[in-house]
N, C-alpha and C. Protein backbone atom coordinates (compact mmCIF):
# COMPACT_ATOMS: atom_id res chain seq x y z
N UNK A 1 1.06 -1.18 -0.09
CA UNK A 1 -0.16 -0.11 -0.05
C UNK A 1 0.91 1.24 -0.16
N UNK A 2 0.38 2.44 -0.69
CA UNK A 2 1.01 3.53 -0.66
C UNK A 2 0.21 4.51 -0.73
N UNK A 3 0.53 5.96 -0.64
CA UNK A 3 0.06 6.94 -0.73
C UNK A 3 -0.08 7.73 -2.53
N UNK A 4 -1.09 8.12 -2.70
CA UNK A 4 -1.20 8.55 -4.28
C UNK A 4 -1.41 10.40 -4.09
N UNK A 5 -0.94 11.06 -5.06
CA UNK A 5 -1.17 12.18 -5.28
C UNK A 5 -1.95 12.32 -6.45
N UNK A 6 -3.12 13.07 -6.40
CA UNK A 6 -4.32 13.03 -7.49
C UNK A 6 -4.21 14.37 -8.25
N UNK A 7 -5.04 14.43 -9.31
CA UNK A 7 -4.98 15.62 -10.07
C UNK A 7 -5.44 17.27 -9.29
N UNK A 8 -5.54 16.95 -8.19
CA UNK A 8 -5.82 18.14 -7.43
C UNK A 8 -4.61 19.03 -6.93
N UNK A 9 -3.51 18.23 -7.16
CA UNK A 9 -2.21 18.97 -6.89
C UNK A 9 -1.68 19.63 -8.37
N UNK A 10 -2.33 19.37 -9.27
CA UNK A 10 -1.91 20.07 -10.52
C UNK A 10 -1.96 21.22 -10.87
N UNK A 11 -0.70 22.10 -10.86
CA UNK A 11 -0.14 23.32 -11.22
C UNK A 11 -0.71 24.13 -9.73
N UNK A 12 -0.72 23.15 -8.60
CA UNK A 12 -0.70 23.97 -7.23
C UNK A 12 0.73 23.70 -6.59
N UNK A 13 1.21 22.42 -6.55
CA UNK A 13 2.48 21.89 -6.04
C UNK A 13 2.71 22.95 -4.79
N UNK A 14 1.91 22.68 -3.66
CA UNK A 14 2.40 23.33 -2.36
C UNK A 14 3.64 23.12 -1.75
N UNK A 15 4.05 21.87 -1.71
CA UNK A 15 5.62 21.22 -1.49
C UNK A 15 5.29 21.22 0.03
N UNK A 16 4.15 21.29 0.82
CA UNK A 16 4.32 20.75 2.41
C UNK A 16 4.26 19.43 2.49
N UNK A 17 3.96 18.76 1.72
CA UNK A 17 3.92 17.18 1.92
C UNK A 17 5.56 16.74 1.63
N UNK A 18 6.22 17.45 0.65
CA UNK A 18 7.57 17.09 0.70
C UNK A 18 8.55 17.44 1.87
N UNK A 19 8.32 18.67 2.41
CA UNK A 19 8.89 18.80 3.49
C UNK A 19 8.86 17.97 4.87
N UNK A 20 7.51 17.48 4.85
CA UNK A 20 7.43 16.27 6.16
C UNK A 20 7.68 14.74 5.70
N UNK A 21 7.94 14.40 4.43
CA UNK A 21 8.00 13.34 4.11
C UNK A 21 9.37 12.50 4.81
N UNK A 22 9.39 11.58 5.59
CA UNK A 22 10.69 11.21 6.13
C UNK A 22 11.69 10.37 5.22
N UNK A 23 11.20 9.80 4.01
CA UNK A 23 11.95 9.06 3.37
C UNK A 23 12.10 9.62 1.87
N UNK A 24 11.71 11.17 1.83
CA UNK A 24 11.81 11.60 0.39
C UNK A 24 11.21 10.99 -0.82
N UNK A 25 10.05 10.52 -0.87
CA UNK A 25 9.39 9.74 -1.82
C UNK A 25 8.47 10.49 -2.47
N UNK A 26 8.61 11.75 -2.39
CA UNK A 26 7.75 12.89 -3.14
C UNK A 26 8.47 13.44 -4.04
N UNK A 27 8.24 13.36 -5.36
CA UNK A 27 8.90 14.05 -6.62
C UNK A 27 8.37 15.13 -7.41
N UNK A 28 9.05 15.76 -7.93
CA UNK A 28 8.60 16.66 -9.06
C UNK A 28 9.09 16.19 -10.50
N UNK A 29 8.45 16.09 -11.54
CA UNK A 29 8.98 15.89 -12.47
C UNK A 29 9.83 17.05 -13.39
N UNK A 30 11.09 16.55 -13.71
CA UNK A 30 12.08 17.62 -14.38
C UNK A 30 12.17 17.44 -15.85
N UNK A 31 11.45 16.54 -16.62
CA UNK A 31 11.72 16.16 -18.02
C UNK A 31 10.61 17.30 -18.82
N UNK A 32 10.54 16.91 -19.96
CA UNK A 32 9.65 17.60 -20.98
C UNK A 32 8.33 17.14 -21.39
N UNK A 33 8.28 15.95 -21.18
CA UNK A 33 6.83 15.28 -21.64
C UNK A 33 5.92 15.53 -20.56
N UNK A 34 5.13 16.95 -20.60
CA UNK A 34 4.27 17.40 -19.93
C UNK A 34 2.74 16.72 -20.06
N UNK A 35 2.90 16.23 -21.31
CA UNK A 35 1.52 15.67 -21.51
C UNK A 35 1.23 14.07 -20.71
N UNK A 36 2.52 13.31 -20.67
CA UNK A 36 2.48 12.37 -19.85
C UNK A 36 2.74 12.60 -18.37
N UNK A 37 3.12 13.60 -17.95
CA UNK A 37 3.56 13.76 -16.53
C UNK A 37 3.34 15.24 -16.16
N UNK A 38 2.01 15.63 -16.12
CA UNK A 38 1.27 16.96 -15.82
C UNK A 38 2.35 17.53 -14.76
N UNK A 39 2.04 19.20 -14.58
CA UNK A 39 2.92 19.54 -13.41
C UNK A 39 1.93 19.37 -12.17
N UNK A 40 2.70 18.53 -11.39
CA UNK A 40 1.98 18.01 -10.35
C UNK A 40 3.49 17.22 -9.26
N UNK A 41 2.99 16.90 -8.22
CA UNK A 41 3.90 16.21 -7.28
C UNK A 41 3.57 14.63 -7.48
N UNK A 42 4.34 13.78 -7.46
CA UNK A 42 4.23 12.36 -7.26
C UNK A 42 4.77 11.44 -6.28
N UNK A 43 4.23 10.49 -5.99
CA UNK A 43 4.80 9.78 -4.67
C UNK A 43 5.28 8.47 -5.48
N UNK A 44 6.56 7.86 -5.06
CA UNK A 44 7.27 6.79 -5.59
C UNK A 44 6.58 5.39 -4.99
N UNK A 45 5.77 4.78 -5.19
CA UNK A 45 5.03 3.84 -4.78
C UNK A 45 5.91 2.62 -3.86
N UNK A 46 7.06 2.48 -4.44
CA UNK A 46 8.38 1.76 -4.26
C UNK A 46 8.97 2.39 -3.16
N UNK A 47 9.24 3.48 -2.55
CA UNK A 47 9.59 4.14 -1.71
C UNK A 47 8.73 4.65 -0.45
N UNK A 48 7.51 4.88 -0.73
CA UNK A 48 6.48 5.34 0.31
C UNK A 48 6.44 4.07 1.43
N UNK A 49 6.74 4.43 2.49
CA UNK A 49 6.52 3.58 3.60
C UNK A 49 5.06 3.56 4.35
N UNK A 50 4.21 4.14 3.82
CA UNK A 50 2.62 4.17 4.11
C UNK A 50 2.44 5.03 5.72
N UNK A 51 3.13 6.14 5.91
CA UNK A 51 3.29 6.65 7.20
C UNK A 51 2.01 7.71 7.36
N UNK A 52 2.02 8.11 6.24
CA UNK A 52 0.73 8.96 5.96
C UNK A 52 1.24 10.56 6.32
N UNK A 53 2.04 10.99 6.99
CA UNK A 53 2.28 12.40 7.25
C UNK A 53 2.06 13.33 6.11
N UNK A 54 2.25 12.80 5.22
CA UNK A 54 1.96 13.79 3.70
C UNK A 54 0.48 14.12 3.40
N UNK A 55 -0.30 13.45 3.76
CA UNK A 55 -1.57 13.65 3.65
C UNK A 55 -2.41 14.65 4.47
N UNK A 56 -2.22 14.88 5.79
CA UNK A 56 -2.67 16.12 6.32
C UNK A 56 -2.07 17.57 5.75
N UNK A 57 -0.93 17.41 5.56
CA UNK A 57 0.01 18.57 5.32
C UNK A 57 -0.67 19.23 3.82
N UNK A 58 -1.15 18.40 2.85
CA UNK A 58 -1.47 19.08 1.73
C UNK A 58 -2.57 20.00 1.73
N UNK A 59 -2.62 21.15 1.69
CA UNK A 59 -3.84 22.13 1.73
C UNK A 59 -4.88 21.98 0.73
N UNK A 60 -4.16 21.30 -0.28
CA UNK A 60 -5.09 21.07 -1.57
C UNK A 60 -6.05 19.65 -1.57
N UNK A 61 -5.71 19.16 -0.36
CA UNK A 61 -6.52 17.83 -0.13
C UNK A 61 -6.26 16.75 -1.53
N UNK A 62 -5.14 16.53 -1.78
CA UNK A 62 -4.78 15.94 -2.94
C UNK A 62 -4.34 14.54 -3.02
N UNK A 63 -3.95 14.20 -1.60
CA UNK A 63 -3.35 12.91 -1.38
C UNK A 63 -4.28 11.85 -0.49
N UNK A 64 -4.14 10.62 -1.33
CA UNK A 64 -4.94 9.67 -0.83
C UNK A 64 -4.39 8.36 -0.56
N UNK A 65 -4.85 7.32 0.16
CA UNK A 65 -3.96 6.12 0.37
C UNK A 65 -4.49 5.57 -1.05
N UNK A 66 -3.92 4.65 -1.61
CA UNK A 66 -3.97 4.19 -3.03
C UNK A 66 -5.62 3.47 -2.83
N UNK A 67 -5.78 2.85 -1.76
CA UNK A 67 -7.14 2.17 -1.72
C UNK A 67 -8.26 3.20 -1.68
N UNK A 68 -8.12 4.16 -1.28
CA UNK A 68 -9.10 5.44 -0.80
C UNK A 68 -9.38 6.20 -2.04
N UNK A 69 -8.59 6.43 -2.97
CA UNK A 69 -8.48 7.27 -4.31
C UNK A 69 -9.63 7.12 -4.85
N UNK A 70 -10.71 8.56 -4.74
CA UNK A 70 -12.04 8.42 -5.42
C UNK A 70 -12.05 8.12 -6.77
N UNK A 71 -12.83 7.50 -7.30
CA UNK A 71 -13.12 6.93 -8.78
C UNK A 71 -12.49 7.79 -9.75
N UNK A 72 -12.91 9.24 -9.63
CA UNK A 72 -12.58 10.27 -10.74
C UNK A 72 -11.16 10.51 -10.71
N UNK A 73 -10.26 10.10 -9.67
CA UNK A 73 -8.72 10.08 -9.80
C UNK A 73 -8.05 8.89 -10.07
N UNK A 74 -8.88 7.69 -10.23
CA UNK A 74 -8.29 6.38 -10.09
C UNK A 74 -6.99 6.36 -11.23
N UNK A 75 -6.97 6.94 -12.04
CA UNK A 75 -5.68 7.11 -12.95
C UNK A 75 -4.61 7.35 -12.25
N UNK A 76 -4.78 8.16 -11.45
CA UNK A 76 -3.50 8.84 -10.71
C UNK A 76 -2.77 7.68 -9.80
N UNK A 77 -3.35 6.57 -9.80
CA UNK A 77 -2.76 5.57 -9.06
C UNK A 77 -1.51 5.15 -10.02
N UNK A 78 -1.68 4.95 -11.17
CA UNK A 78 -0.82 4.43 -12.39
C UNK A 78 -0.13 5.46 -12.81
N UNK A 79 -0.36 6.64 -12.87
CA UNK A 79 0.56 7.80 -13.03
C UNK A 79 1.77 8.13 -12.22
N UNK A 80 1.22 7.95 -10.76
CA UNK A 80 2.24 7.75 -9.71
C UNK A 80 3.16 6.88 -10.00
N UNK A 81 2.85 5.51 -9.94
CA UNK A 81 3.58 4.59 -10.20
C UNK A 81 4.54 4.61 -11.49
N UNK A 82 4.15 5.05 -12.58
CA UNK A 82 4.91 5.22 -13.75
C UNK A 82 6.10 6.14 -13.41
N UNK A 83 6.39 6.77 -12.43
CA UNK A 83 7.38 7.74 -12.38
C UNK A 83 8.57 6.75 -12.01
N UNK A 84 8.49 5.48 -11.66
CA UNK A 84 9.46 4.33 -11.21
C UNK A 84 10.11 4.15 -12.65
N UNK A 85 9.50 4.20 -13.75
CA UNK A 85 9.90 3.63 -14.83
C UNK A 85 10.96 4.77 -15.89
N UNK A 86 10.77 6.00 -15.05
CA UNK A 86 11.27 7.12 -15.19
C UNK A 86 12.15 7.97 -14.50
N UNK A 87 12.64 7.45 -13.51
CA UNK A 87 12.96 8.19 -12.42
C UNK A 87 14.29 9.16 -12.64
N UNK A 88 15.02 8.81 -13.63
CA UNK A 88 16.21 9.94 -14.01
C UNK A 88 15.64 11.20 -14.38
N UNK A 89 14.02 11.08 -14.40
CA UNK A 89 13.39 12.70 -14.73
C UNK A 89 12.88 12.90 -13.69
N UNK A 90 12.88 12.78 -12.46
CA UNK A 90 12.34 13.25 -11.32
C UNK A 90 13.23 13.50 -10.02
N UNK A 91 13.02 14.41 -9.41
CA UNK A 91 13.69 14.87 -8.35
C UNK A 91 12.79 15.20 -7.13
N UNK A 92 13.50 15.23 -5.94
CA UNK A 92 12.71 15.73 -4.67
C UNK A 92 12.81 17.51 -4.83
N UNK A 93 11.73 18.02 -5.04
CA UNK A 93 11.99 19.42 -5.18
C UNK A 93 12.09 20.18 -4.05
N UNK A 94 13.01 21.32 -4.08
CA UNK A 94 13.76 22.29 -2.73
C UNK A 94 12.08 22.71 -2.21
N UNK A 95 11.98 22.84 -0.97
CA UNK A 95 11.06 23.65 -0.54
C UNK A 95 11.03 24.98 -0.83
N UNK A 96 9.67 25.61 -1.08
CA UNK A 96 9.64 27.07 -1.72
C UNK A 96 8.48 27.41 -1.00
N UNK A 97 8.63 28.56 -0.14
CA UNK A 97 7.42 29.15 0.78
C UNK A 97 6.34 29.57 -0.22
N UNK A 98 4.97 29.35 0.14
CA UNK A 98 4.01 29.69 -0.74
C UNK A 98 2.86 29.92 0.17
N UNK A 99 2.13 30.75 -0.30
CA UNK A 99 0.80 30.99 0.60
C UNK A 99 0.06 29.87 0.59
N UNK A 100 -0.61 29.62 1.53
CA UNK A 100 -1.60 28.68 1.79
C UNK A 100 -3.01 29.12 0.72
N UNK A 101 -3.76 28.06 0.35
CA UNK A 101 -4.69 28.56 -0.33
C UNK A 101 -5.87 28.75 0.27
N UNK A 102 -6.90 29.39 -0.05
CA UNK A 102 -7.92 29.89 0.85
C UNK A 102 -8.82 28.69 0.65
N UNK A 103 -9.74 28.59 1.52
CA UNK A 103 -11.28 27.75 0.84
C UNK A 103 -11.91 27.68 -0.09
N UNK A 104 -11.93 29.05 -0.53
CA UNK A 104 -12.51 29.34 -1.85
C UNK A 104 -11.70 28.62 -3.03
N UNK A 105 -10.38 29.09 -3.02
CA UNK A 105 -9.54 28.45 -3.97
C UNK A 105 -9.25 26.72 -3.90
N UNK A 106 -9.42 26.08 -3.01
CA UNK A 106 -9.63 24.60 -2.66
C UNK A 106 -10.66 24.40 -3.30
N UNK A 107 -11.96 24.84 -3.11
CA UNK A 107 -13.10 24.41 -3.64
C UNK A 107 -13.37 24.67 -5.03
N UNK A 108 -12.73 25.65 -5.68
CA UNK A 108 -12.71 25.88 -7.10
C UNK A 108 -11.79 24.84 -7.51
N UNK A 109 -10.72 24.31 -7.25
CA UNK A 109 -9.85 23.36 -7.44
C UNK A 109 -10.85 22.08 -7.63
N UNK A 110 -11.28 21.77 -6.77
CA UNK A 110 -12.14 20.44 -6.58
C UNK A 110 -13.23 20.41 -7.59
N UNK A 111 -13.89 21.73 -7.86
CA UNK A 111 -14.92 21.72 -8.88
C UNK A 111 -14.13 21.61 -10.16
N UNK A 112 -13.14 22.07 -10.46
CA UNK A 112 -12.46 21.90 -11.62
C UNK A 112 -12.16 20.67 -12.17
N UNK A 113 -11.85 19.63 -10.97
CA UNK A 113 -11.86 18.34 -11.33
C UNK A 113 -12.93 17.61 -11.06
N UNK A 114 -14.34 17.99 -10.87
CA UNK A 114 -15.54 17.29 -10.67
C UNK A 114 -15.45 16.39 -9.53
N UNK A 115 -14.96 17.15 -8.58
CA UNK A 115 -14.81 16.39 -7.40
C UNK A 115 -15.46 17.05 -6.18
N UNK A 116 -16.13 16.49 -5.30
CA UNK A 116 -16.85 17.51 -4.40
C UNK A 116 -16.03 17.09 -3.09
N UNK A 117 -15.52 15.88 -3.07
CA UNK A 117 -14.79 15.68 -1.55
C UNK A 117 -15.40 14.67 -0.98
């Protein structure tokens, strides 16, 4: 079992989850194939120790246990796992301070992906 970062992270990239991960298994894509790997963070399922500390840190509510990923985000499970095949194009991003999203921004992001929470 591992944790999965879903579409709710796309173009948001808060990085709070990266800061708390004890095994540095959360990665950003550094390659050029943005169609395959959109601008979001990814969890390496082979490195994830299932501690769950990342989930409450994500202000966008984008992280789920793989068994709890909502139907609308099921493809995120395979997408996160796909990073293992392209590991040389991923790195643990450095922490960058960003303002936390407002509740309204979070609601808008969920609505964009047709997910009510």
